[in-house]
Amino acid sequence: MLRQLIDNFLLERTEISREKLADPSLKMVDLGVDSLGIVEMLFEVEDEYGIHVEDVMKFQNMTLNEVVLYMEQIIRDKNGGQLPDLTMAAKSSN
């Protein structure tokens, strides 16, 4: 669900193609996601999962897979090791 949320965000708000998103070697900066795009993407994840991410600029030099794994760990740490689905996350943050 997290990867899908991020992919959908990037596909809707950037010029990135599905093919580029599927390339595991490309870093966020290689995908053409600028610092504002990264911040907006992270805000989307933070809002959906009720988390807060520090030092968002480090994500520019990460691949999309690394970003997803990093975000998953933050979410799991907040939720006792679980990765809740979006409907559960939205309910618990209200």
Protein backbone atom coordinates (compact mmCIF):
# COMPACT_ATOMS: atom_id res chain seq x y z
CA MET A 1 0.00 0.00 0.00
CA LEU A 2 2.81 2.45 0.82
CA ARG A 3 4.58 1.87 -2.49
CA GLN A 4 1.28 2.25 -4.31
CA LEU A 5 0.59 5.54 -2.52
CA ILE A 6 4.02 6.90 -3.46
CA ASP A 7 3.82 5.63 -7.05
CA ASN A 8 0.37 7.17 -7.51
CA PHE A 9 1.55 10.47 -6.07
CA LEU A 10 4.54 10.59 -8.42
CA LEU A 11 2.52 9.54 -11.46
CA GLU A 12 -0.18 12.14 -10.80
CA ARG A 13 2.07 15.08 -9.92
CA THR A 14 5.17 14.62 -12.02
CA GLU A 15 6.17 13.72 -15.57
CA ILE A 16 7.56 10.34 -14.45
CA SER A 17 6.50 7.30 -16.46
CA ARG A 18 5.65 3.89 -14.98
CA GLU A 19 8.70 2.48 -16.73
CA LYS A 20 11.01 4.92 -14.94
CA LEU A 21 9.37 4.15 -11.58
CA ALA A 22 10.08 0.48 -12.15
CA ASP A 23 13.85 1.05 -12.56
CA PRO A 24 15.33 0.15 -9.15
CA SER A 25 18.65 1.85 -9.86
CA LEU A 26 17.29 5.39 -10.33
CA LYS A 27 17.57 7.80 -7.44
CA MET A 28 14.83 10.34 -6.75
CA VAL A 29 16.96 13.07 -8.31
CA ASP A 30 17.44 10.85 -11.42
CA LEU A 31 13.66 10.52 -11.65
CA GLY A 32 13.44 14.31 -11.83
CA VAL A 33 11.84 14.71 -8.42
CA ASP A 34 13.08 17.99 -7.00
CA SER A 35 13.26 18.89 -3.32
CA LEU A 36 9.76 20.39 -3.32
CA GLY A 37 8.37 17.23 -4.93
CA ILE A 38 10.05 15.09 -2.29
CA VAL A 39 8.64 17.25 0.50
CA GLU A 40 5.14 17.07 -0.99
CA MET A 41 5.42 13.30 -1.43
CA LEU A 42 6.55 12.87 2.18
CA PHE A 43 3.72 15.11 3.43
CA GLU A 44 1.30 12.80 1.63
CA VAL A 45 2.76 9.76 3.40
CA GLU A 46 2.91 11.56 6.74
CA ASP A 47 -0.76 12.56 6.45
CA GLU A 48 -1.88 9.07 5.49
CA TYR A 49 0.10 7.21 8.16
CA GLY A 50 0.23 9.80 10.95
CA ILE A 51 4.03 9.99 11.09
CA HIS A 52 6.65 12.73 10.88
CA VAL A 53 9.87 12.51 8.89
CA GLU A 54 12.98 14.49 9.77
CA ASP A 55 15.70 15.55 7.30
CA VAL A 56 13.71 15.16 4.11
CA MET A 57 16.62 16.24 1.91
CA LYS A 58 18.41 12.91 2.37
CA PHE A 59 15.77 11.30 0.17
CA GLN A 60 17.11 12.97 -2.99
CA ASN A 61 20.07 10.60 -3.02
CA MET A 62 17.99 7.50 -2.34
CA THR A 63 16.36 5.21 -4.87
CA LEU A 64 12.58 4.96 -4.78
CA ASN A 65 12.89 1.49 -3.24
CA GLU A 66 15.16 2.88 -0.51
CA VAL A 67 12.67 5.66 0.21
CA VAL A 68 9.84 3.14 0.53
CA LEU A 69 11.87 0.88 2.84
CA TYR A 70 12.91 3.83 5.00
CA MET A 71 9.32 5.08 5.26
CA GLU A 72 8.07 1.57 6.02
CA GLN A 73 10.49 1.34 8.93
CA ILE A 74 9.28 4.66 10.39
CA ILE A 75 5.67 3.50 10.06
CA ARG A 76 6.45 0.10 11.60
CA ASP A 77 8.31 1.73 14.49
CA LYS A 78 5.23 3.86 15.22
CA ASN A 79 2.85 0.90 14.96
CA GLY A 80 4.53 -1.85 16.96
CA GLY A 81 6.18 -3.47 13.97
CA GLN A 82 3.05 -3.46 11.83
CA LEU A 83 2.45 -1.70 8.54
CA PRO A 84 -1.23 -0.74 8.73
CA ASP A 85 -3.25 -0.37 5.59
CA LEU A 86 -4.30 3.16 4.69
CA THR A 87 -7.85 2.89 5.97
CA MET A 88 -6.63 1.75 9.40
CA ALA A 89 -3.93 4.45 9.48
CA ALA A 90 -6.41 7.17 8.62
CA LYS A 91 -8.79 6.05 11.38
CA SER A 92 -6.09 5.88 14.04
CA SER A 93 -4.77 9.38 13.26
CA ASN A 94 -8.22 10.98 13.65
